[in-house]
Amino acid sequence: MTFELLFGIGLIAIGAFSSGSFSIPFGKTRNWAWENYWLIYSLFAYVIVPLVACYVFCPGFMNVLSGVPAQTLGWIFLLGIIYGICNLTFGLSLRYLGLSLGFSLSLGLMMILGTIIPPAIDGRLNILLQQSGGTMLIAGLLIAAVGIALSGYAGYRKDKGAGPEANPELNFGKGLVLVFFVGITGASQALGIEQGMGISSALVASGIDPLFQTLPVFFVLFGGSFLATALWCLFLSKKNNNLKAFVKTKDIAVSSNYLYCGLAGFLWFVNFIFYGMGKSRMGEFSFTAWGILMSLTIVFATLWGLYRGEWKAADTKTKAWMYAGLVVLVAASFIIGMSGGE
């Protein structure tokens, strides 16, 4: 493994930690329904933080975007809308499957499809499969699938051991249908990023540091995600009579809710700053970065669950399954990363 690949994986790992941590501030919000805090979080994650990051790291990016064909921008924006729908559905999968199992299965399917579909469309996957790296990539994805299965099984045992009173909404049939939908639509995010490669190249040609070449692509992509999210959250807020909560919340200063939701949005998008930086170091087959990000995000989300005591009541065997899953996922991340350099 070259230093460039190792450096890239390290940057992506930092992004994965941020991604696995973004939901922590939600626990500090008070007297806000889901649609309230998710809308404000999305405003920061999809619009405000990406825009600020673009102005800081990619000065003049608007000039580059103005020269991009409208069809290209529209396609990326549409993929962002699909991803926004995916994110809304993801919350339901967690409700029906529990946090650990829902997170593992949803991100696992997103990882596999998001790694394979974009390069299959543009032909790079076929090129890689003709080299030794192709075998390594398939091996890495299969090993990651094993790690996801182990983590998912551990989550299933944990939630089942807690009893129905811990989560009366558990419904594995509905949950698995939603996971399948999330996995397919979630791949739109990876596809949107890869569709923006021409934009990234134009930015580098204009003098932008290659480390930050994907930031404007994220800005366009997540603009679509925000549109889908805002429409749904505002609909729910009106339906549930929660619109007034945005300006007035009982017993607390509403500004603190905005602060925590803004922090969640910041953490979530910082993930993509580091992901983009790491991806720029992955060479011709940079699409392998997606598998690394998803695998390590599951790892860090599980570790946060441990820290917060979500596994406290789990028996020793269940924790052993969980730790085994984490080790396998970390190993898979390195194998997937090395495949692009073979």
C-alpha atoms as a PDB file:
ATOM      1  CA  MET A   1       0.000   0.000   0.000  1.00  0.00           C
ATOM      2  CA  THR A   2       1.442   3.369  -1.047  1.00  0.00           C
ATOM      3  CA  PHE A   3       1.640   6.330   1.284  1.00  0.00           C
ATOM      4  CA  GLU A   4      -0.908   8.183  -0.870  1.00  0.00           C
ATOM      5  CA  LEU A   5      -3.479   5.404  -0.428  1.00  0.00           C
ATOM      6  CA  LEU A   6      -2.799   5.145   3.297  1.00  0.00           C
ATOM      7  CA  PHE A   7      -3.105   8.913   3.649  1.00  0.00           C
ATOM      8  CA  GLY A   8      -6.361   8.836   1.709  1.00  0.00           C
ATOM      9  CA  ILE A   9      -7.796   6.095   3.903  1.00  0.00           C
ATOM     10  CA  GLY A  10      -6.780   8.063   6.997  1.00  0.00           C
ATOM     11  CA  LEU A  11      -8.605  11.169   5.764  1.00  0.00           C
ATOM     12  CA  ILE A  12     -11.696   9.121   4.939  1.00  0.00           C
ATOM     13  CA  ALA A  13     -11.548   7.570   8.417  1.00  0.00           C
ATOM     14  CA  ILE A  14     -11.710  11.051   9.966  1.00  0.00           C
ATOM     15  CA  GLY A  15     -14.752  11.742   7.811  1.00  0.00           C
ATOM     16  CA  ALA A  16     -16.340   8.456   8.881  1.00  0.00           C
ATOM     17  CA  PHE A  17     -15.851   9.393  12.535  1.00  0.00           C
ATOM     18  CA  SER A  18     -17.608  12.689  11.925  1.00  0.00           C
ATOM     19  CA  SER A  19     -20.420  10.929  10.054  1.00  0.00           C
ATOM     20  CA  GLY A  20     -20.856   8.370  12.811  1.00  0.00           C
ATOM     21  CA  SER A  21     -21.010  11.178  15.384  1.00  0.00           C
ATOM     22  CA  PHE A  22     -23.376  13.668  13.749  1.00  0.00           C
ATOM     23  CA  SER A  23     -26.554  12.530  15.527  1.00  0.00           C
ATOM     24  CA  ILE A  24     -25.146  12.993  19.047  1.00  0.00           C
ATOM     25  CA  PRO A  25     -26.221  16.679  19.343  1.00  0.00           C
ATOM     26  CA  PHE A  26     -29.853  15.738  18.634  1.00  0.00           C
ATOM     27  CA  GLY A  27     -30.034  14.360  22.164  1.00  0.00           C
ATOM     28  CA  LYS A  28     -29.621  17.913  23.468  1.00  0.00           C
ATOM     29  CA  THR A  29     -32.632  19.385  21.656  1.00  0.00           C
ATOM     30  CA  ARG A  30     -35.729  19.996  23.763  1.00  0.00           C
ATOM     31  CA  ASN A  31     -39.431  20.140  22.918  1.00  0.00           C
ATOM     32  CA  TRP A  32     -38.901  19.812  19.183  1.00  0.00           C
ATOM     33  CA  ALA A  33     -40.544  17.121  17.071  1.00  0.00           C
ATOM     34  CA  TRP A  34     -38.478  15.142  14.575  1.00  0.00           C
ATOM     35  CA  GLU A  35     -39.598  17.334  11.676  1.00  0.00           C
ATOM     36  CA  ASN A  36     -38.398  20.451  13.522  1.00  0.00           C
ATOM     37  CA  TYR A  37     -34.874  19.383  14.330  1.00  0.00           C
ATOM     38  CA  TRP A  38     -34.394  17.426  11.077  1.00  0.00           C
ATOM     39  CA  LEU A  39     -35.282  20.452   8.958  1.00  0.00           C
ATOM     40  CA  ILE A  40     -32.853  22.769  10.766  1.00  0.00           C
ATOM     41  CA  TYR A  41     -30.145  20.100  10.755  1.00  0.00           C
ATOM     42  CA  SER A  42     -30.677  19.643   6.999  1.00  0.00           C
ATOM     43  CA  LEU A  43     -30.495  23.391   6.382  1.00  0.00           C
ATOM     44  CA  PHE A  44     -27.008  23.419   7.906  1.00  0.00           C
ATOM     45  CA  ALA A  45     -25.852  20.044   6.554  1.00  0.00           C
ATOM     46  CA  TYR A  46     -27.113  20.466   2.992  1.00  0.00           C
ATOM     47  CA  VAL A  47     -26.914  24.230   2.385  1.00  0.00           C
ATOM     48  CA  ILE A  48     -25.168  26.493   4.911  1.00  0.00           C
ATOM     49  CA  VAL A  49     -22.045  24.475   5.769  1.00  0.00           C
ATOM     50  CA  PRO A  50     -21.420  23.282   2.166  1.00  0.00           C
ATOM     51  CA  LEU A  51     -21.783  26.857   0.882  1.00  0.00           C
ATOM     52  CA  VAL A  52     -19.390  28.258   3.481  1.00  0.00           C
ATOM     53  CA  ALA A  53     -16.916  25.435   2.776  1.00  0.00           C
ATOM     54  CA  CYS A  54     -17.040  26.196  -0.955  1.00  0.00           C
ATOM     55  CA  TYR A  55     -16.366  29.896  -0.427  1.00  0.00           C
ATOM     56  CA  VAL A  56     -13.496  29.141   1.979  1.00  0.00           C
ATOM     57  CA  PHE A  57     -11.759  26.320   0.080  1.00  0.00           C
ATOM     58  CA  CYS A  58     -12.921  26.863  -3.516  1.00  0.00           C
ATOM     59  CA  PRO A  59     -12.962  30.617  -4.224  1.00  0.00           C
ATOM     60  CA  GLY A  60     -14.438  31.290  -7.637  1.00  0.00           C
ATOM     61  CA  PHE A  61     -16.359  28.017  -7.681  1.00  0.00           C
ATOM     62  CA  MET A  62     -19.501  29.769  -8.918  1.00  0.00           C
ATOM     63  CA  ASN A  63     -17.658  30.803 -12.085  1.00  0.00           C
ATOM     64  CA  VAL A  64     -16.791  27.172 -12.751  1.00  0.00           C
ATOM     65  CA  LEU A  65     -20.332  25.972 -12.057  1.00  0.00           C
ATOM     66  CA  SER A  66     -21.739  28.604 -14.413  1.00  0.00           C
ATOM     67  CA  GLY A  67     -19.814  26.965 -17.225  1.00  0.00           C
ATOM     68  CA  VAL A  68     -21.116  23.461 -16.515  1.00  0.00           C
ATOM     69  CA  PRO A  69     -23.916  22.227 -18.824  1.00  0.00           C
ATOM     70  CA  ALA A  70     -27.339  22.630 -17.228  1.00  0.00           C
ATOM     71  CA  GLN A  71     -28.087  18.982 -17.968  1.00  0.00           C
ATOM     72  CA  THR A  72     -25.142  17.856 -15.851  1.00  0.00           C
ATOM     73  CA  LEU A  73     -26.107  20.097 -12.937  1.00  0.00           C
ATOM     74  CA  GLY A  74     -29.736  19.016 -13.226  1.00  0.00           C
ATOM     75  CA  TRP A  75     -28.814  15.332 -13.177  1.00  0.00           C
ATOM     76  CA  ILE A  76     -26.667  15.757 -10.058  1.00  0.00           C
ATOM     77  CA  PHE A  77     -29.425  17.821  -8.401  1.00  0.00           C
ATOM     78  CA  LEU A  78     -31.986  15.097  -9.217  1.00  0.00           C
ATOM     79  CA  LEU A  79     -29.752  12.443  -7.689  1.00  0.00           C
ATOM     80  CA  GLY A  80     -29.590  14.671  -4.616  1.00  0.00           C
ATOM     81  CA  ILE A  81     -33.398  14.698  -4.430  1.00  0.00           C
ATOM     82  CA  ILE A  82     -33.399  10.898  -4.562  1.00  0.00           C
ATOM     83  CA  TYR A  83     -30.815  10.816  -1.776  1.00  0.00           C
ATOM     84  CA  GLY A  84     -32.954  13.194   0.281  1.00  0.00           C
ATOM     85  CA  ILE A  85     -35.866  10.760  -0.031  1.00  0.00           C
ATOM     86  CA  CYS A  86     -33.486   7.978   0.968  1.00  0.00           C
ATOM     87  CA  ASN A  87     -32.467   9.824   4.128  1.00  0.00           C
ATOM     88  CA  LEU A  88     -36.086  10.357   5.120  1.00  0.00           C
ATOM     89  CA  THR A  89     -36.798   6.650   4.650  1.00  0.00           C
ATOM     90  CA  PHE A  90     -33.652   5.724   6.575  1.00  0.00           C
ATOM     91  CA  GLY A  91     -35.206   7.079   9.769  1.00  0.00           C
ATOM     92  CA  LEU A  92     -38.156   4.708   9.364  1.00  0.00           C
ATOM     93  CA  SER A  93     -35.836   1.724   8.899  1.00  0.00           C
ATOM     94  CA  LEU A  94     -34.209   2.556  12.250  1.00  0.00           C
ATOM     95  CA  ARG A  95     -37.640   2.737  13.856  1.00  0.00           C
ATOM     96  CA  TYR A  96     -38.650  -0.731  12.660  1.00  0.00           C
ATOM     97  CA  LEU A  97     -35.288  -2.527  12.966  1.00  0.00           C
ATOM     98  CA  GLY A  98     -33.630  -0.741  15.867  1.00  0.00           C
ATOM     99  CA  LEU A  99     -30.571   1.504  15.655  1.00  0.00           C
ATOM    100  CA  SER A 100     -27.830  -1.123  15.372  1.00  0.00           C
ATOM    101  CA  LEU A 101     -29.461  -3.494  12.897  1.00  0.00           C
ATOM    102  CA  GLY A 102     -31.049  -0.730  10.812  1.00  0.00           C
ATOM    103  CA  PHE A 103     -27.803   1.240  10.613  1.00  0.00           C
ATOM    104  CA  SER A 104     -25.703  -1.802   9.658  1.00  0.00           C
ATOM    105  CA  LEU A 105     -28.021  -3.158   6.981  1.00  0.00           C
ATOM    106  CA  SER A 106     -28.915   0.215   5.422  1.00  0.00           C
ATOM    107  CA  LEU A 107     -25.348   1.513   5.200  1.00  0.00           C
ATOM    108  CA  GLY A 108     -24.102  -1.932   4.212  1.00  0.00           C
ATOM    109  CA  LEU A 109     -26.328  -2.107   1.166  1.00  0.00           C
ATOM    110  CA  MET A 110     -25.512   1.523   0.335  1.00  0.00           C
ATOM    111  CA  MET A 111     -21.826   0.647   0.563  1.00  0.00           C
ATOM    112  CA  ILE A 112     -21.983  -2.284  -1.850  1.00  0.00           C
ATOM    113  CA  LEU A 113     -24.277  -0.664  -4.424  1.00  0.00           C
ATOM    114  CA  GLY A 114     -22.619   2.757  -4.135  1.00  0.00           C
ATOM    115  CA  THR A 115     -19.195   1.224  -4.735  1.00  0.00           C
ATOM    116  CA  ILE A 116     -20.213  -0.883  -7.740  1.00  0.00           C
ATOM    117  CA  ILE A 117     -22.913   1.050  -9.642  1.00  0.00           C
ATOM    118  CA  PRO A 118     -21.105   4.352 -10.494  1.00  0.00           C
ATOM    119  CA  PRO A 119     -17.929   2.728 -11.940  1.00  0.00           C
ATOM    120  CA  ALA A 120     -20.030   0.087 -13.691  1.00  0.00           C
ATOM    121  CA  ILE A 121     -21.786   2.910 -15.549  1.00  0.00           C
ATOM    122  CA  ASP A 122     -18.635   4.798 -16.570  1.00  0.00           C
ATOM    123  CA  GLY A 123     -16.574   1.670 -17.354  1.00  0.00           C
ATOM    124  CA  ARG A 124     -13.904   1.945 -14.655  1.00  0.00           C
ATOM    125  CA  LEU A 125     -15.178  -1.138 -12.830  1.00  0.00           C
ATOM    126  CA  ASN A 126     -14.623  -3.271 -15.917  1.00  0.00           C
ATOM    127  CA  ILE A 127     -11.073  -1.931 -16.220  1.00  0.00           C
ATOM    128  CA  LEU A 128     -10.315  -2.679 -12.576  1.00  0.00           C
ATOM    129  CA  LEU A 129     -11.813  -6.181 -12.778  1.00  0.00           C
ATOM    130  CA  GLN A 130      -9.306  -7.015 -15.498  1.00  0.00           C
ATOM    131  CA  GLN A 131      -6.489  -6.269 -13.067  1.00  0.00           C
ATOM    132  CA  SER A 132      -5.419  -7.864  -9.800  1.00  0.00           C
ATOM    133  CA  GLY A 133      -7.089  -4.988  -7.963  1.00  0.00           C
ATOM    134  CA  GLY A 134     -10.467  -6.181  -9.224  1.00  0.00           C
ATOM    135  CA  THR A 135     -10.138  -9.446  -7.336  1.00  0.00           C
ATOM    136  CA  MET A 136      -9.083  -7.522  -4.251  1.00  0.00           C
ATOM    137  CA  LEU A 137     -12.076  -5.174  -4.563  1.00  0.00           C
ATOM    138  CA  ILE A 138     -14.552  -8.058  -4.808  1.00  0.00           C
ATOM    139  CA  ALA A 139     -12.835  -9.752  -1.865  1.00  0.00           C
ATOM    140  CA  GLY A 140     -13.003  -6.529   0.146  1.00  0.00           C
ATOM    141  CA  LEU A 141     -16.704  -6.067  -0.571  1.00  0.00           C
ATOM    142  CA  LEU A 142     -17.460  -9.685   0.344  1.00  0.00           C
ATOM    143  CA  ILE A 143     -15.488  -9.366   3.571  1.00  0.00           C
ATOM    144  CA  ALA A 144     -17.312  -6.108   4.316  1.00  0.00           C
ATOM    145  CA  ALA A 145     -20.617  -7.908   3.728  1.00  0.00           C
ATOM    146  CA  VAL A 146     -19.547 -10.490   6.312  1.00  0.00           C
ATOM    147  CA  GLY A 147     -18.682  -7.706   8.756  1.00  0.00           C
ATOM    148  CA  ILE A 148     -22.043  -6.060   8.149  1.00  0.00           C
ATOM    149  CA  ALA A 149     -23.810  -9.378   8.704  1.00  0.00           C
ATOM    150  CA  LEU A 150     -21.938  -9.890  11.977  1.00  0.00           C
ATOM    151  CA  SER A 151     -22.723  -6.362  13.153  1.00  0.00           C
ATOM    152  CA  GLY A 152     -26.327  -6.710  12.085  1.00  0.00           C
ATOM    153  CA  TYR A 153     -26.705 -10.034  13.888  1.00  0.00           C
ATOM    154  CA  ALA A 154     -25.193  -8.542  17.035  1.00  0.00           C
ATOM    155  CA  GLY A 155     -27.656  -5.646  16.790  1.00  0.00           C
ATOM    156  CA  TYR A 156     -30.520  -8.070  16.301  1.00  0.00           C
ATOM    157  CA  ARG A 157     -29.504 -10.058  19.400  1.00  0.00           C
ATOM    158  CA  LYS A 158     -29.140  -6.858  21.423  1.00  0.00           C
ATOM    159  CA  ASP A 159     -32.548  -5.483  20.440  1.00  0.00           C
ATOM    160  CA  LYS A 160     -34.253  -8.845  20.849  1.00  0.00           C
ATOM    161  CA  GLY A 161     -32.696  -9.303  24.289  1.00  0.00           C
ATOM    162  CA  ALA A 162     -33.988  -5.902  25.375  1.00  0.00           C
ATOM    163  CA  GLY A 163     -37.566  -7.109  24.873  1.00  0.00           C
ATOM    164  CA  PRO A 164     -40.474  -5.518  22.989  1.00  0.00           C
ATOM    165  CA  GLU A 165     -40.966  -2.916  25.694  1.00  0.00           C
ATOM    166  CA  ALA A 166     -37.637  -1.313  24.705  1.00  0.00           C
ATOM    167  CA  ASN A 167     -38.919  -0.660  21.189  1.00  0.00           C
ATOM    168  CA  PRO A 168     -42.600  -1.553  20.681  1.00  0.00           C
ATOM    169  CA  GLU A 169     -42.369  -0.480  17.012  1.00  0.00           C
ATOM    170  CA  LEU A 170     -39.966  -3.258  15.968  1.00  0.00           C
ATOM    171  CA  ASN A 171     -41.198  -4.847  12.751  1.00  0.00           C
ATOM    172  CA  PHE A 172     -38.563  -6.802  10.851  1.00  0.00           C
ATOM    173  CA  GLY A 173     -40.722  -7.345   7.757  1.00  0.00           C
ATOM    174  CA  LYS A 174     -41.362  -3.636   7.203  1.00  0.00           C
ATOM    175  CA  GLY A 175     -37.816  -2.822   8.245  1.00  0.00           C
ATOM    176  CA  LEU A 176     -36.195  -5.087   5.659  1.00  0.00           C
ATOM    177  CA  VAL A 177     -38.359  -3.661   2.858  1.00  0.00           C
ATOM    178  CA  LEU A 178     -37.283  -0.151   3.865  1.00  0.00           C
ATOM    179  CA  VAL A 179     -33.624  -1.193   4.089  1.00  0.00           C
ATOM    180  CA  PHE A 180     -33.770  -2.471   0.524  1.00  0.00           C
ATOM    181  CA  PHE A 181     -35.258   0.848  -0.614  1.00  0.00           C
ATOM    182  CA  VAL A 182     -32.668   2.856   1.350  1.00  0.00           C
ATOM    183  CA  GLY A 183     -29.807   0.807  -0.086  1.00  0.00           C
ATOM    184  CA  ILE A 184     -30.911   1.344  -3.680  1.00  0.00           C
ATOM    185  CA  THR A 185     -31.746   5.049  -3.380  1.00  0.00           C
ATOM    186  CA  GLY A 186     -28.735   5.692  -1.154  1.00  0.00           C
ATOM    187  CA  ALA A 187     -26.439   4.685  -3.997  1.00  0.00           C
ATOM    188  CA  SER A 188     -27.640   7.863  -5.725  1.00  0.00           C
ATOM    189  CA  GLN A 189     -25.328   9.828  -3.453  1.00  0.00           C
ATOM    190  CA  ALA A 190     -22.232   7.965  -4.660  1.00  0.00           C
ATOM    191  CA  LEU A 191     -23.491   8.173  -8.246  1.00  0.00           C
ATOM    192  CA  GLY A 192     -24.009  11.925  -7.949  1.00  0.00           C
ATOM    193  CA  ILE A 193     -20.467  12.384  -6.662  1.00  0.00           C
ATOM    194  CA  GLU A 194     -19.024  10.373  -9.543  1.00  0.00           C
ATOM    195  CA  GLN A 195     -21.179  12.242 -12.081  1.00  0.00           C
ATOM    196  CA  GLY A 196     -19.503  15.419 -10.852  1.00  0.00           C
ATOM    197  CA  MET A 197     -15.990  14.289 -11.831  1.00  0.00           C
ATOM    198  CA  GLY A 198     -16.017  16.685 -14.783  1.00  0.00           C
ATOM    199  CA  ILE A 199     -16.812  19.567 -12.433  1.00  0.00           C
ATOM    200  CA  SER A 200     -13.976  18.503 -10.138  1.00  0.00           C
ATOM    201  CA  SER A 201     -11.540  18.422 -13.057  1.00  0.00           C
ATOM    202  CA  ALA A 202     -12.614  21.905 -14.143  1.00  0.00           C
ATOM    203  CA  LEU A 203     -12.099  23.213 -10.617  1.00  0.00           C
ATOM    204  CA  VAL A 204      -8.579  21.796 -10.452  1.00  0.00           C
ATOM    205  CA  ALA A 205      -7.828  23.329 -13.860  1.00  0.00           C
ATOM    206  CA  SER A 206      -8.990  26.695 -12.500  1.00  0.00           C
ATOM    207  CA  GLY A 207      -6.420  26.496  -9.711  1.00  0.00           C
ATOM    208  CA  ILE A 208      -8.448  24.971  -6.847  1.00  0.00           C
ATOM    209  CA  ASP A 209      -6.496  22.665  -4.536  1.00  0.00           C
ATOM    210  CA  PRO A 210      -7.274  19.063  -5.637  1.00  0.00           C
ATOM    211  CA  LEU A 211      -7.995  18.186  -1.998  1.00  0.00           C
ATOM    212  CA  PHE A 212     -11.208  20.231  -2.174  1.00  0.00           C
ATOM    213  CA  GLN A 213     -12.276  19.559  -5.755  1.00  0.00           C
ATOM    214  CA  THR A 214     -15.492  17.727  -4.777  1.00  0.00           C
ATOM    215  CA  LEU A 215     -16.948  20.404  -2.466  1.00  0.00           C
ATOM    216  CA  PRO A 216     -18.940  22.273  -5.160  1.00  0.00           C
ATOM    217  CA  VAL A 217     -20.292  18.913  -6.391  1.00  0.00           C
ATOM    218  CA  PHE A 218     -21.606  18.274  -2.877  1.00  0.00           C
ATOM    219  CA  PHE A 219     -23.188  21.736  -2.865  1.00  0.00           C
ATOM    220  CA  VAL A 220     -25.204  20.948  -6.014  1.00  0.00           C
ATOM    221  CA  LEU A 221     -26.018  17.381  -4.957  1.00  0.00           C
ATOM    222  CA  PHE A 222     -27.208  18.237  -1.464  1.00  0.00           C
ATOM    223  CA  GLY A 223     -29.190  21.200  -2.728  1.00  0.00           C
ATOM    224  CA  GLY A 224     -31.526  18.591  -4.185  1.00  0.00           C
ATOM    225  CA  SER A 225     -31.496  16.670  -0.916  1.00  0.00           C
ATOM    226  CA  PHE A 226     -32.530  19.782   0.985  1.00  0.00           C
ATOM    227  CA  LEU A 227     -35.431  20.458  -1.363  1.00  0.00           C
ATOM    228  CA  ALA A 228     -36.905  16.992  -0.756  1.00  0.00           C
ATOM    229  CA  THR A 229     -36.276  17.204   2.987  1.00  0.00           C
ATOM    230  CA  ALA A 230     -37.680  20.720   3.406  1.00  0.00           C
ATOM    231  CA  LEU A 231     -40.909  19.912   1.583  1.00  0.00           C
ATOM    232  CA  TRP A 232     -41.560  16.840   3.741  1.00  0.00           C
ATOM    233  CA  CYS A 233     -40.557  18.415   7.059  1.00  0.00           C
ATOM    234  CA  LEU A 234     -42.628  21.555   6.453  1.00  0.00           C
ATOM    235  CA  PHE A 235     -45.592  19.378   5.484  1.00  0.00           C
ATOM    236  CA  LEU A 236     -45.276  17.397   8.711  1.00  0.00           C
ATOM    237  CA  SER A 237     -44.764  20.546  10.774  1.00  0.00           C
ATOM    238  CA  LYS A 238     -47.961  22.069   9.410  1.00  0.00           C
ATOM    239  CA  LYS A 239     -49.864  18.818   9.759  1.00  0.00           C
ATOM    240  CA  ASN A 240     -48.740  18.349  13.372  1.00  0.00           C
ATOM    241  CA  ASN A 241     -49.084  22.037  14.238  1.00  0.00           C
ATOM    242  CA  ASN A 242     -45.352  22.351  14.979  1.00  0.00           C
ATOM    243  CA  LEU A 243     -44.495  25.362  12.828  1.00  0.00           C
ATOM    244  CA  LYS A 244     -44.626  27.683  15.822  1.00  0.00           C
ATOM    245  CA  ALA A 245     -41.925  25.609  17.538  1.00  0.00           C
ATOM    246  CA  PHE A 246     -39.333  27.120  15.166  1.00  0.00           C
ATOM    247  CA  VAL A 247     -39.695  30.489  16.927  1.00  0.00           C
ATOM    248  CA  LYS A 248     -41.002  29.560  20.355  1.00  0.00           C
ATOM    249  CA  THR A 249     -40.455  26.458  22.479  1.00  0.00           C
ATOM    250  CA  LYS A 250     -41.823  25.901  25.961  1.00  0.00           C
ATOM    251  CA  ASP A 251     -39.472  26.326  28.932  1.00  0.00           C
ATOM    252  CA  ILE A 252     -36.236  26.768  26.943  1.00  0.00           C
ATOM    253  CA  ALA A 253     -34.487  29.243  24.683  1.00  0.00           C
ATOM    254  CA  VAL A 254     -35.184  28.034  21.151  1.00  0.00           C
ATOM    255  CA  SER A 255     -31.747  29.289  20.086  1.00  0.00           C
ATOM    256  CA  SER A 256     -30.113  26.298  21.819  1.00  0.00           C
ATOM    257  CA  ASN A 257     -32.031  23.922  19.557  1.00  0.00           C
ATOM    258  CA  TYR A 258     -30.759  25.786  16.515  1.00  0.00           C
ATOM    259  CA  LEU A 259     -27.231  25.571  17.931  1.00  0.00           C
ATOM    260  CA  TYR A 260     -27.328  21.801  18.452  1.00  0.00           C
ATOM    261  CA  CYS A 261     -28.972  21.147  15.080  1.00  0.00           C
ATOM    262  CA  GLY A 262     -26.369  23.376  13.438  1.00  0.00           C
ATOM    263  CA  LEU A 263     -23.624  21.389  15.164  1.00  0.00           C
ATOM    264  CA  ALA A 264     -25.155  18.143  13.880  1.00  0.00           C
ATOM    265  CA  GLY A 265     -25.228  19.574  10.367  1.00  0.00           C
ATOM    266  CA  PHE A 266     -21.620  20.736  10.681  1.00  0.00           C
ATOM    267  CA  LEU A 267     -20.438  17.300  11.834  1.00  0.00           C
ATOM    268  CA  TRP A 268     -22.327  15.593   9.042  1.00  0.00           C
ATOM    269  CA  PHE A 269     -20.838  17.733   6.273  1.00  0.00           C
ATOM    270  CA  VAL A 270     -17.318  17.706   7.734  1.00  0.00           C
ATOM    271  CA  ASN A 271     -17.553  14.025   6.893  1.00  0.00           C
ATOM    272  CA  PHE A 272     -17.688  14.939   3.194  1.00  0.00           C
ATOM    273  CA  ILE A 273     -14.888  17.477   3.404  1.00  0.00           C
ATOM    274  CA  PHE A 274     -12.532  14.748   4.611  1.00  0.00           C
ATOM    275  CA  TYR A 275     -14.092  12.160   2.304  1.00  0.00           C
ATOM    276  CA  GLY A 276     -13.446  14.412  -0.676  1.00  0.00           C
ATOM    277  CA  MET A 277      -9.870  15.028   0.476  1.00  0.00           C
ATOM    278  CA  GLY A 278      -9.264  11.298   0.911  1.00  0.00           C
ATOM    279  CA  LYS A 279     -10.934  10.438  -2.390  1.00  0.00           C
ATOM    280  CA  SER A 280      -8.573  12.811  -4.197  1.00  0.00           C
ATOM    281  CA  ARG A 281      -5.695  10.606  -3.009  1.00  0.00           C
ATOM    282  CA  MET A 282      -7.162   7.306  -4.192  1.00  0.00           C
ATOM    283  CA  GLY A 283      -6.004   7.493  -7.789  1.00  0.00           C
ATOM    284  CA  GLU A 284      -7.833   6.420 -10.958  1.00  0.00           C
ATOM    285  CA  PHE A 285     -10.159   4.075  -9.105  1.00  0.00           C
ATOM    286  CA  SER A 286     -11.229   6.602  -6.496  1.00  0.00           C
ATOM    287  CA  PHE A 287     -14.725   5.089  -6.353  1.00  0.00           C
ATOM    288  CA  THR A 288     -13.287   2.606  -3.825  1.00  0.00           C
ATOM    289  CA  ALA A 289     -13.367   5.465  -1.312  1.00  0.00           C
ATOM    290  CA  TRP A 290     -17.130   5.014  -0.922  1.00  0.00           C
ATOM    291  CA  GLY A 291     -16.803   1.472   0.439  1.00  0.00           C
ATOM    292  CA  ILE A 292     -14.206   2.643   2.946  1.00  0.00           C
ATOM    293  CA  LEU A 293     -16.407   5.504   4.141  1.00  0.00           C
ATOM    294  CA  MET A 294     -19.511   3.360   4.645  1.00  0.00           C
ATOM    295  CA  SER A 295     -17.629   0.536   6.416  1.00  0.00           C
ATOM    296  CA  LEU A 296     -15.876   2.843   8.857  1.00  0.00           C
ATOM    297  CA  THR A 297     -19.033   4.870   9.482  1.00  0.00           C
ATOM    298  CA  ILE A 298     -20.718   1.686  10.734  1.00  0.00           C
ATOM    299  CA  VAL A 299     -17.683   1.060  12.961  1.00  0.00           C
ATOM    300  CA  PHE A 300     -17.719   4.519  14.542  1.00  0.00           C
ATOM    301  CA  ALA A 301     -21.505   4.582  14.936  1.00  0.00           C
ATOM    302  CA  THR A 302     -21.272   1.272  16.809  1.00  0.00           C
ATOM    303  CA  LEU A 303     -18.469   2.590  19.021  1.00  0.00           C
ATOM    304  CA  TRP A 304     -20.611   5.625  19.888  1.00  0.00           C
ATOM    305  CA  GLY A 305     -23.375   3.202  20.796  1.00  0.00           C
ATOM    306  CA  LEU A 306     -20.972   1.462  23.166  1.00  0.00           C
ATOM    307  CA  TYR A 307     -19.927   4.757  24.722  1.00  0.00           C
ATOM    308  CA  ARG A 308     -23.541   5.787  25.254  1.00  0.00           C
ATOM    309  CA  GLY A 309     -24.372   2.507  26.969  1.00  0.00           C
ATOM    310  CA  GLU A 310     -26.578   1.063  24.218  1.00  0.00           C
ATOM    311  CA  TRP A 311     -24.807  -2.295  24.580  1.00  0.00           C
ATOM    312  CA  LYS A 312     -24.667  -2.267  28.373  1.00  0.00           C
ATOM    313  CA  ALA A 313     -27.375  -4.886  28.823  1.00  0.00           C
ATOM    314  CA  ALA A 314     -26.103  -7.135  26.009  1.00  0.00           C
ATOM    315  CA  ASP A 315     -24.647 -10.497  27.011  1.00  0.00           C
ATOM    316  CA  THR A 316     -21.019 -11.489  26.391  1.00  0.00           C
ATOM    317  CA  LYS A 317     -21.776 -13.530  23.283  1.00  0.00           C
ATOM    318  CA  THR A 318     -23.668 -10.647  21.685  1.00  0.00           C
ATOM    319  CA  LYS A 319     -20.790  -8.261  22.356  1.00  0.00           C
ATOM    320  CA  ALA A 320     -18.372 -10.816  20.879  1.00  0.00           C
ATOM    321  CA  TRP A 321     -20.396 -10.849  17.632  1.00  0.00           C
ATOM    322  CA  MET A 322     -20.334  -7.058  17.645  1.00  0.00           C
ATOM    323  CA  TYR A 323     -16.554  -6.808  18.150  1.00  0.00           C
ATOM    324  CA  ALA A 324     -15.962  -9.427  15.469  1.00  0.00           C
ATOM    325  CA  GLY A 325     -18.035  -7.372  13.047  1.00  0.00           C
ATOM    326  CA  LEU A 326     -16.015  -4.240  13.792  1.00  0.00           C
ATOM    327  CA  VAL A 327     -12.678  -5.993  13.229  1.00  0.00           C
ATOM    328  CA  VAL A 328     -13.861  -7.469   9.926  1.00  0.00           C
ATOM    329  CA  LEU A 329     -15.179  -4.098   8.724  1.00  0.00           C
ATOM    330  CA  VAL A 330     -11.907  -2.316   9.495  1.00  0.00           C
ATOM    331  CA  ALA A 331      -9.991  -5.037   7.634  1.00  0.00           C
ATOM    332  CA  ALA A 332     -12.388  -4.779   4.680  1.00  0.00           C
ATOM    333  CA  SER A 333     -11.863  -1.017   4.515  1.00  0.00           C
ATOM    334  CA  PHE A 334      -8.134  -1.432   4.018  1.00  0.00           C
ATOM    335  CA  ILE A 335      -8.589  -4.184   1.432  1.00  0.00           C
ATOM    336  CA  ILE A 336     -11.045  -2.057  -0.558  1.00  0.00           C
ATOM    337  CA  GLY A 337      -8.649   0.875  -0.338  1.00  0.00           C
ATOM    338  CA  MET A 338      -5.681  -1.189  -1.528  1.00  0.00           C
ATOM    339  CA  SER A 339      -7.645  -2.562  -4.505  1.00  0.00           C
ATOM    340  CA  GLY A 340      -7.500   0.750  -6.341  1.00  0.00           C
ATOM    341  CA  GLY A 341      -3.710   0.835  -6.134  1.00  0.00           C
ATOM    342  CA  GLU A 342      -3.101  -2.645  -7.512  1.00  0.00           C
END
